[in-house]
């Protein structure tokens, strides 16, 4: 029997939970508390704004929704490539 529990984690006791406004707190995924796609700038695929020249992800739920694991993993080769240019 295969489980996929590794794709979801929730810390409802966190003082910041939920860190983004949501109507679905029960399914809010904390696995990617700090989004690894942030470094992809415009290529992250999330819902962000530029606020005084800084990427503001306050309205983005991409790493916290159902299916977030698959979305993040599909872009990790690009993240690793961008972070490994030495």
PDB file of N, CA and C in Angstrom:
ATOM      1  N   UNK A   1       0.843  -1.182   0.000  1.00  0.00           N
ATOM      2  CA  UNK A   1       0.000   0.000   0.000  1.00  0.00           C
ATOM      3  C   UNK A   1       0.886   1.242   0.000  1.00  0.00           C
ATOM      4  N   UNK A   2       0.693   2.084  -0.980  1.00  0.00           N
ATOM      5  CA  UNK A   2       1.496   3.299  -1.114  1.00  0.00           C
ATOM      6  C   UNK A   2       0.744   4.499  -0.551  1.00  0.00           C
ATOM      7  N   UNK A   3       1.432   5.275   0.247  1.00  0.00           N
ATOM      8  CA  UNK A   3       0.824   6.506   0.767  1.00  0.00           C
ATOM      9  C   UNK A   3       1.592   7.699   0.224  1.00  0.00           C
ATOM     10  N   UNK A   4       0.988   8.833   0.278  1.00  0.00           N
ATOM     11  CA  UNK A   4       1.627  10.062  -0.181  1.00  0.00           C
ATOM     12  C   UNK A   4       1.579  11.123   0.913  1.00  0.00           C
ATOM     13  N   UNK A   5       1.721  10.679   2.159  1.00  0.00           N
ATOM     14  CA  UNK A   5       1.680  11.609   3.287  1.00  0.00           C
ATOM     15  C   UNK A   5       2.800  12.632   3.243  1.00  0.00           C
ATOM     16  N   UNK A   6       3.892  12.306   2.577  1.00  0.00           N
ATOM     17  CA  UNK A   6       5.034  13.224   2.494  1.00  0.00           C
ATOM     18  C   UNK A   6       4.711  14.484   1.700  1.00  0.00           C
ATOM     19  N   UNK A   7       3.600  14.494   0.983  1.00  0.00           N
ATOM     20  CA  UNK A   7       3.227  15.646   0.165  1.00  0.00           C
ATOM     21  C   UNK A   7       2.444  16.700   0.937  1.00  0.00           C
ATOM     22  N   UNK A   8       2.102  16.402   2.185  1.00  0.00           N
ATOM     23  CA  UNK A   8       1.290  17.336   2.962  1.00  0.00           C
ATOM     24  C   UNK A   8       1.767  17.384   4.405  1.00  0.00           C
ATOM     25  N   UNK A   9       1.887  18.592   4.923  1.00  0.00           N
ATOM     26  CA  UNK A   9       2.227  18.807   6.320  1.00  0.00           C
ATOM     27  C   UNK A   9       1.504  20.060   6.780  1.00  0.00           C
ATOM     28  N   UNK A  10       0.947  20.012   7.965  1.00  0.00           N
ATOM     29  CA  UNK A  10       0.282  21.198   8.500  1.00  0.00           C
ATOM     30  C   UNK A  10       0.687  21.406   9.947  1.00  0.00           C
ATOM     31  N   UNK A  11       1.058  22.641  10.259  1.00  0.00           N
ATOM     32  CA  UNK A  11       1.403  23.008  11.630  1.00  0.00           C
ATOM     33  C   UNK A  11       0.408  24.063  12.103  1.00  0.00           C
ATOM     34  N   UNK A  12      -0.763  23.612  12.501  1.00  0.00           N
ATOM     35  CA  UNK A  12      -1.825  24.523  12.931  1.00  0.00           C
ATOM     36  C   UNK A  12      -1.477  25.244  14.230  1.00  0.00           C
ATOM     37  N   UNK A  13      -0.451  24.777  14.943  1.00  0.00           N
ATOM     38  CA  UNK A  13      -0.028  25.436  16.180  1.00  0.00           C
ATOM     39  C   UNK A  13       0.974  26.555  15.934  1.00  0.00           C
ATOM     40  N   UNK A  14       1.418  26.707  14.693  1.00  0.00           N
ATOM     41  CA  UNK A  14       2.357  27.769  14.345  1.00  0.00           C
ATOM     42  C   UNK A  14       1.704  29.124  14.603  1.00  0.00           C
ATOM     43  N   UNK A  15       2.453  30.032  15.172  1.00  0.00           N
ATOM     44  CA  UNK A  15       1.903  31.362  15.481  1.00  0.00           C
ATOM     45  C   UNK A  15       1.530  32.152  14.232  1.00  0.00           C
ATOM     46  N   UNK A  16       1.970  31.706  13.070  1.00  0.00           N
ATOM     47  CA  UNK A  16       1.651  32.390  11.813  1.00  0.00           C
ATOM     48  C   UNK A  16       0.591  31.654  10.988  1.00  0.00           C
ATOM     49  N   UNK A  17       0.107  30.537  11.483  1.00  0.00           N
ATOM     50  CA  UNK A  17      -0.849  29.725  10.725  1.00  0.00           C
ATOM     51  C   UNK A  17      -2.221  30.370  10.664  1.00  0.00           C
ATOM     52  N   UNK A  18      -2.830  30.391   9.491  1.00  0.00           N
ATOM     53  CA  UNK A  18      -2.196  30.251   8.194  1.00  0.00           C
ATOM     54  C   UNK A  18      -1.478  31.546   7.824  1.00  0.00           C
ATOM     55  N   UNK A  19      -0.379  31.428   7.144  1.00  0.00           N
ATOM     56  CA  UNK A  19       0.443  32.608   6.831  1.00  0.00           C
ATOM     57  C   UNK A  19      -0.132  33.422   5.679  1.00  0.00           C
ATOM     58  N   UNK A  20      -1.103  32.873   4.972  1.00  0.00           N
ATOM     59  CA  UNK A  20      -1.789  33.572   3.881  1.00  0.00           C
ATOM     60  C   UNK A  20      -3.291  33.414   4.094  1.00  0.00           C
ATOM     61  N   UNK A  21      -4.068  34.412   3.694  1.00  0.00           N
ATOM     62  CA  UNK A  21      -5.521  34.316   3.800  1.00  0.00           C
ATOM     63  C   UNK A  21      -6.007  33.174   2.931  1.00  0.00           C
ATOM     64  N   UNK A  22      -6.876  32.367   3.493  1.00  0.00           N
ATOM     65  CA  UNK A  22      -7.412  31.219   2.767  1.00  0.00           C
ATOM     66  C   UNK A  22      -8.809  30.900   3.260  1.00  0.00           C
ATOM     67  N   UNK A  23      -9.611  30.335   2.396  1.00  0.00           N
ATOM     68  CA  UNK A  23     -10.940  29.858   2.777  1.00  0.00           C
ATOM     69  C   UNK A  23     -10.925  28.369   3.076  1.00  0.00           C
ATOM     70  N   UNK A  24      -9.753  27.756   2.987  1.00  0.00           N
ATOM     71  CA  UNK A  24      -9.630  26.310   3.157  1.00  0.00           C
ATOM     72  C   UNK A  24      -8.479  25.966   4.102  1.00  0.00           C
ATOM     73  N   UNK A  25      -8.593  26.399   5.339  1.00  0.00           N
ATOM     74  CA  UNK A  25      -7.550  26.168   6.334  1.00  0.00           C
ATOM     75  C   UNK A  25      -7.282  24.702   6.607  1.00  0.00           C
ATOM     76  N   UNK A  26      -8.287  23.863   6.440  1.00  0.00           N
ATOM     77  CA  UNK A  26      -8.137  22.432   6.694  1.00  0.00           C
ATOM     78  C   UNK A  26      -7.143  21.786   5.735  1.00  0.00           C
ATOM     79  N   UNK A  27      -7.073  22.294   4.512  1.00  0.00           N
ATOM     80  CA  UNK A  27      -6.172  21.730   3.501  1.00  0.00           C
ATOM     81  C   UNK A  27      -4.957  22.613   3.248  1.00  0.00           C
ATOM     82  N   UNK A  28      -4.702  23.577   4.106  1.00  0.00           N
ATOM     83  CA  UNK A  28      -3.560  24.476   3.949  1.00  0.00           C
ATOM     84  C   UNK A  28      -2.269  23.698   4.205  1.00  0.00           C
ATOM     85  N   UNK A  29      -1.414  23.627   3.198  1.00  0.00           N
ATOM     86  CA  UNK A  29      -0.193  22.830   3.259  1.00  0.00           C
ATOM     87  C   UNK A  29       0.987  23.704   3.697  1.00  0.00           C
ATOM     88  N   UNK A  30       1.611  23.352   4.790  1.00  0.00           N
ATOM     89  CA  UNK A  30       2.763  24.085   5.320  1.00  0.00           C
ATOM     90  C   UNK A  30       4.095  23.479   4.872  1.00  0.00           C
ATOM     91  N   UNK A  31       4.062  22.439   4.058  1.00  0.00           N
ATOM     92  CA  UNK A  31       5.275  21.733   3.663  1.00  0.00           C
ATOM     93  C   UNK A  31       6.321  22.677   3.088  1.00  0.00           C
ATOM     94  N   UNK A  32       5.894  23.606   2.242  1.00  0.00           N
ATOM     95  CA  UNK A  32       6.810  24.575   1.656  1.00  0.00           C
ATOM     96  C   UNK A  32       6.593  25.927   2.324  1.00  0.00           C
ATOM     97  N   UNK A  33       6.878  25.971   3.609  1.00  0.00           N
ATOM     98  CA  UNK A  33       6.702  27.198   4.389  1.00  0.00           C
ATOM     99  C   UNK A  33       7.438  28.359   3.717  1.00  0.00           C
ATOM    100  N   UNK A  34       8.661  28.114   3.314  1.00  0.00           N
ATOM    101  CA  UNK A  34       9.416  29.094   2.532  1.00  0.00           C
ATOM    102  C   UNK A  34       9.469  28.556   1.111  1.00  0.00           C
ATOM    103  N   UNK A  35       8.815  29.255   0.214  1.00  0.00           N
ATOM    104  CA  UNK A  35       8.663  28.751  -1.148  1.00  0.00           C
ATOM    105  C   UNK A  35       9.998  28.655  -1.877  1.00  0.00           C
ATOM    106  N   UNK A  36      10.373  27.462  -2.324  1.00  0.00           N
ATOM    107  CA  UNK A  36      11.633  27.311  -3.060  1.00  0.00           C
ATOM    108  C   UNK A  36      11.583  27.918  -4.459  1.00  0.00           C
ATOM    109  N   UNK A  37      10.404  28.339  -4.906  1.00  0.00           N
ATOM    110  CA  UNK A  37      10.280  28.924  -6.241  1.00  0.00           C
ATOM    111  C   UNK A  37      10.498  30.437  -6.230  1.00  0.00           C
ATOM    112  N   UNK A  38      10.645  31.020  -5.064  1.00  0.00           N
ATOM    113  CA  UNK A  38      10.833  32.472  -4.954  1.00  0.00           C
ATOM    114  C   UNK A  38      11.983  32.942  -5.840  1.00  0.00           C
ATOM    115  N   UNK A  39      13.052  32.194  -5.871  1.00  0.00           N
ATOM    116  CA  UNK A  39      14.251  32.589  -6.622  1.00  0.00           C
ATOM    117  C   UNK A  39      14.054  32.575  -8.128  1.00  0.00           C
ATOM    118  N   UNK A  40      12.941  31.999  -8.610  1.00  0.00           N
ATOM    119  CA  UNK A  40      12.698  31.948 -10.042  1.00  0.00           C
ATOM    120  C   UNK A  40      12.132  33.267 -10.585  1.00  0.00           C
ATOM    121  N   UNK A  41      11.987  34.233  -9.717  1.00  0.00           N
ATOM    122  CA  UNK A  41      11.490  35.560 -10.083  1.00  0.00           C
ATOM    123  C   UNK A  41      10.181  35.438 -10.847  1.00  0.00           C
ATOM    124  N   UNK A  42      10.112  35.967 -12.069  1.00  0.00           N
ATOM    125  CA  UNK A  42       8.867  35.954 -12.846  1.00  0.00           C
ATOM    126  C   UNK A  42       8.461  34.557 -13.291  1.00  0.00           C
ATOM    127  N   UNK A  43       9.362  33.596 -13.223  1.00  0.00           N
ATOM    128  CA  UNK A  43       9.083  32.241 -13.688  1.00  0.00           C
ATOM    129  C   UNK A  43       8.527  31.307 -12.628  1.00  0.00           C
ATOM    130  N   UNK A  44       8.201  31.827 -11.471  1.00  0.00           N
ATOM    131  CA  UNK A  44       7.746  30.964 -10.376  1.00  0.00           C
ATOM    132  C   UNK A  44       6.360  30.376 -10.619  1.00  0.00           C
ATOM    133  N   UNK A  45       5.530  31.079 -11.373  1.00  0.00           N
ATOM    134  CA  UNK A  45       4.182  30.595 -11.635  1.00  0.00           C
ATOM    135  C   UNK A  45       3.180  30.965 -10.567  1.00  0.00           C
ATOM    136  N   UNK A  46       3.608  31.761  -9.603  1.00  0.00           N
ATOM    137  CA  UNK A  46       2.722  32.149  -8.511  1.00  0.00           C
ATOM    138  C   UNK A  46       2.040  33.482  -8.730  1.00  0.00           C
ATOM    139  N   UNK A  47       1.221  33.834  -7.772  1.00  0.00           N
ATOM    140  CA  UNK A  47       0.469  35.081  -7.789  1.00  0.00           C
ATOM    141  C   UNK A  47       1.166  36.068  -6.866  1.00  0.00           C
ATOM    142  N   UNK A  48       2.075  36.851  -7.421  1.00  0.00           N
ATOM    143  CA  UNK A  48       2.833  37.793  -6.616  1.00  0.00           C
ATOM    144  C   UNK A  48       2.704  39.198  -7.199  1.00  0.00           C
ATOM    145  N   UNK A  49       3.104  40.174  -6.400  1.00  0.00           N
ATOM    146  CA  UNK A  49       3.154  41.564  -6.844  1.00  0.00           C
ATOM    147  C   UNK A  49       4.546  42.084  -6.529  1.00  0.00           C
ATOM    148  N   UNK A  50       4.942  43.135  -7.209  1.00  0.00           N
ATOM    149  CA  UNK A  50       6.173  43.818  -6.833  1.00  0.00           C
ATOM    150  C   UNK A  50       5.763  44.994  -5.955  1.00  0.00           C
ATOM    151  N   UNK A  51       6.327  45.041  -4.778  1.00  0.00           N
ATOM    152  CA  UNK A  51       6.001  46.064  -3.802  1.00  0.00           C
ATOM    153  C   UNK A  51       7.294  46.797  -3.453  1.00  0.00           C
ATOM    154  N   UNK A  52       7.454  47.995  -3.963  1.00  0.00           N
ATOM    155  CA  UNK A  52       8.677  48.783  -3.760  1.00  0.00           C
ATOM    156  C   UNK A  52       9.911  48.017  -4.225  1.00  0.00           C
ATOM    157  N   UNK A  53       9.776  47.330  -5.361  1.00  0.00           N
ATOM    158  CA  UNK A  53      10.890  46.602  -5.941  1.00  0.00           C
ATOM    159  C   UNK A  53      11.163  45.249  -5.307  1.00  0.00           C
ATOM    160  N   UNK A  54      10.313  44.811  -4.397  1.00  0.00           N
ATOM    161  CA  UNK A  54      10.494  43.528  -3.712  1.00  0.00           C
ATOM    162  C   UNK A  54       9.342  42.604  -4.084  1.00  0.00           C
ATOM    163  N   UNK A  55       9.651  41.362  -4.339  1.00  0.00           N
ATOM    164  CA  UNK A  55       8.629  40.373  -4.674  1.00  0.00           C
ATOM    165  C   UNK A  55       7.774  40.111  -3.445  1.00  0.00           C
ATOM    166  N   UNK A  56       6.484  40.386  -3.554  1.00  0.00           N
ATOM    167  CA  UNK A  56       5.541  40.225  -2.446  1.00  0.00           C
ATOM    168  C   UNK A  56       4.607  39.060  -2.751  1.00  0.00           C
ATOM    169  N   UNK A  57       4.756  37.981  -2.019  1.00  0.00           N
ATOM    170  CA  UNK A  57       3.991  36.757  -2.267  1.00  0.00           C
ATOM    171  C   UNK A  57       2.811  36.598  -1.297  1.00  0.00           C
ATOM    172  N   UNK A  58       2.418  37.678  -0.658  1.00  0.00           N
ATOM    173  CA  UNK A  58       1.359  37.628   0.343  1.00  0.00           C
ATOM    174  C   UNK A  58       0.077  37.006  -0.184  1.00  0.00           C
ATOM    175  N   UNK A  59      -0.257  37.240  -1.434  1.00  0.00           N
ATOM    176  CA  UNK A  59      -1.506  36.723  -2.011  1.00  0.00           C
ATOM    177  C   UNK A  59      -1.350  35.370  -2.694  1.00  0.00           C
ATOM    178  N   UNK A  60      -0.182  34.804  -2.659  1.00  0.00           N
ATOM    179  CA  UNK A  60       0.080  33.555  -3.383  1.00  0.00           C
ATOM    180  C   UNK A  60      -0.180  32.335  -2.507  1.00  0.00           C
ATOM    181  N   UNK A  61      -0.974  31.425  -3.033  1.00  0.00           N
ATOM    182  CA  UNK A  61      -1.246  30.161  -2.334  1.00  0.00           C
ATOM    183  C   UNK A  61      -0.690  28.952  -3.076  1.00  0.00           C
ATOM    184  N   UNK A  62       0.068  29.181  -4.146  1.00  0.00           N
ATOM    185  CA  UNK A  62       0.593  28.072  -4.953  1.00  0.00           C
ATOM    186  C   UNK A  62       1.292  27.021  -4.087  1.00  0.00           C
ATOM    187  N   UNK A  63       2.209  27.376  -3.185  1.00  0.00           N
ATOM    188  CA  UNK A  63       2.882  26.313  -2.418  1.00  0.00           C
ATOM    189  C   UNK A  63       2.021  25.737  -1.288  1.00  0.00           C
ATOM    190  N   UNK A  64       0.837  26.280  -1.081  1.00  0.00           N
ATOM    191  CA  UNK A  64       0.018  25.859   0.061  1.00  0.00           C
ATOM    192  C   UNK A  64      -1.273  25.133  -0.322  1.00  0.00           C
ATOM    193  N   UNK A  65      -1.623  25.102  -1.600  1.00  0.00           N
ATOM    194  CA  UNK A  65      -2.845  24.441  -2.063  1.00  0.00           C
ATOM    195  C   UNK A  65      -2.636  22.966  -2.310  1.00  0.00           C
ATOM    196  N   UNK A  66      -3.745  22.254  -2.541  1.00  0.00           N
ATOM    197  CA  UNK A  66      -3.649  20.856  -2.969  1.00  0.00           C
ATOM    198  C   UNK A  66      -2.897  20.819  -4.285  1.00  0.00           C
ATOM    199  N   UNK A  67      -2.064  19.844  -4.472  1.00  0.00           N
ATOM    200  CA  UNK A  67      -1.269  19.730  -5.689  1.00  0.00           C
ATOM    201  C   UNK A  67       0.003  20.538  -5.665  1.00  0.00           C
ATOM    202  N   UNK A  68       0.262  21.207  -4.546  1.00  0.00           N
ATOM    203  CA  UNK A  68       1.457  22.060  -4.459  1.00  0.00           C
ATOM    204  C   UNK A  68       2.742  21.257  -4.582  1.00  0.00           C
ATOM    205  N   UNK A  69       2.763  20.050  -4.067  1.00  0.00           N
ATOM    206  CA  UNK A  69       3.972  19.232  -4.132  1.00  0.00           C
ATOM    207  C   UNK A  69       4.374  18.987  -5.584  1.00  0.00           C
ATOM    208  N   UNK A  70       3.409  18.615  -6.408  1.00  0.00           N
ATOM    209  CA  UNK A  70       3.696  18.345  -7.816  1.00  0.00           C
ATOM    210  C   UNK A  70       4.162  19.607  -8.540  1.00  0.00           C
ATOM    211  N   UNK A  71       3.541  20.740  -8.241  1.00  0.00           N
ATOM    212  CA  UNK A  71       3.925  22.003  -8.872  1.00  0.00           C
ATOM    213  C   UNK A  71       5.364  22.366  -8.506  1.00  0.00           C
ATOM    214  N   UNK A  72       5.679  22.307  -7.225  1.00  0.00           N
ATOM    215  CA  UNK A  72       7.028  22.651  -6.757  1.00  0.00           C
ATOM    216  C   UNK A  72       8.058  21.690  -7.360  1.00  0.00           C
ATOM    217  N   UNK A  73       7.788  20.400  -7.300  1.00  0.00           N
ATOM    218  CA  UNK A  73       8.746  19.419  -7.807  1.00  0.00           C
ATOM    219  C   UNK A  73       8.963  19.562  -9.317  1.00  0.00           C
ATOM    220  N   UNK A  74       7.933  19.984 -10.051  1.00  0.00           N
ATOM    221  CA  UNK A  74       8.084  20.136 -11.498  1.00  0.00           C
ATOM    222  C   UNK A  74       9.037  21.268 -11.853  1.00  0.00           C
ATOM    223  N   UNK A  75       9.302  22.165 -10.915  1.00  0.00           N
ATOM    224  CA  UNK A  75      10.185  23.311 -11.177  1.00  0.00           C
ATOM    225  C   UNK A  75      11.522  23.230 -10.439  1.00  0.00           C
ATOM    226  N   UNK A  76      11.749  22.149  -9.709  1.00  0.00           N
ATOM    227  CA  UNK A  76      12.967  22.061  -8.905  1.00  0.00           C
ATOM    228  C   UNK A  76      14.242  21.935  -9.735  1.00  0.00           C
ATOM    229  N   UNK A  77      14.185  21.338 -10.915  1.00  0.00           N
ATOM    230  CA  UNK A  77      15.382  21.277 -11.759  1.00  0.00           C
ATOM    231  C   UNK A  77      15.825  22.685 -12.125  1.00  0.00           C
ATOM    232  N   UNK A  78      14.862  23.551 -12.396  1.00  0.00           N
ATOM    233  CA  UNK A  78      15.181  24.943 -12.724  1.00  0.00           C
ATOM    234  C   UNK A  78      15.753  25.680 -11.514  1.00  0.00           C
ATOM    235  N   UNK A  79      15.198  25.428 -10.335  1.00  0.00           N
ATOM    236  CA  UNK A  79      15.710  26.028  -9.095  1.00  0.00           C
ATOM    237  C   UNK A  79      17.157  25.592  -8.865  1.00  0.00           C
ATOM    238  N   UNK A  80      17.409  24.295  -8.995  1.00  0.00           N
ATOM    239  CA  UNK A  80      18.754  23.762  -8.779  1.00  0.00           C
ATOM    240  C   UNK A  80      19.729  24.324  -9.806  1.00  0.00           C
ATOM    241  N   UNK A  81      19.300  24.406 -11.064  1.00  0.00           N
ATOM    242  CA  UNK A  81      20.148  24.965 -12.114  1.00  0.00           C
ATOM    243  C   UNK A  81      20.515  26.416 -11.796  1.00  0.00           C
ATOM    244  N   UNK A  82      19.540  27.221 -11.394  1.00  0.00           N
ATOM    245  CA  UNK A  82      19.779  28.626 -11.079  1.00  0.00           C
ATOM    246  C   UNK A  82      20.697  28.800  -9.863  1.00  0.00           C
ATOM    247  N   UNK A  83      20.606  27.872  -8.931  1.00  0.00           N
ATOM    248  CA  UNK A  83      21.406  27.971  -7.720  1.00  0.00           C
ATOM    249  C   UNK A  83      22.752  27.292  -7.812  1.00  0.00           C
ATOM    250  N   UNK A  84      23.054  26.666  -8.945  1.00  0.00           N
ATOM    251  CA  UNK A  84      24.285  25.882  -9.072  1.00  0.00           C
ATOM    252  C   UNK A  84      25.199  26.373 -10.196  1.00  0.00           C
ATOM    253  N   UNK A  85      25.259  27.660 -10.404  1.00  0.00           N
ATOM    254  CA  UNK A  85      26.080  28.180 -11.514  1.00  0.00           C
ATOM    255  C   UNK A  85      27.486  28.537 -11.052  1.00  0.00           C
ATOM    256  N   UNK A  86      28.178  27.556 -10.492  1.00  0.00           N
ATOM    257  CA  UNK A  86      29.573  27.796 -10.071  1.00  0.00           C
ATOM    258  C   UNK A  86      30.518  26.888 -10.815  1.00  0.00           C
TER     259      UNK A  86
END
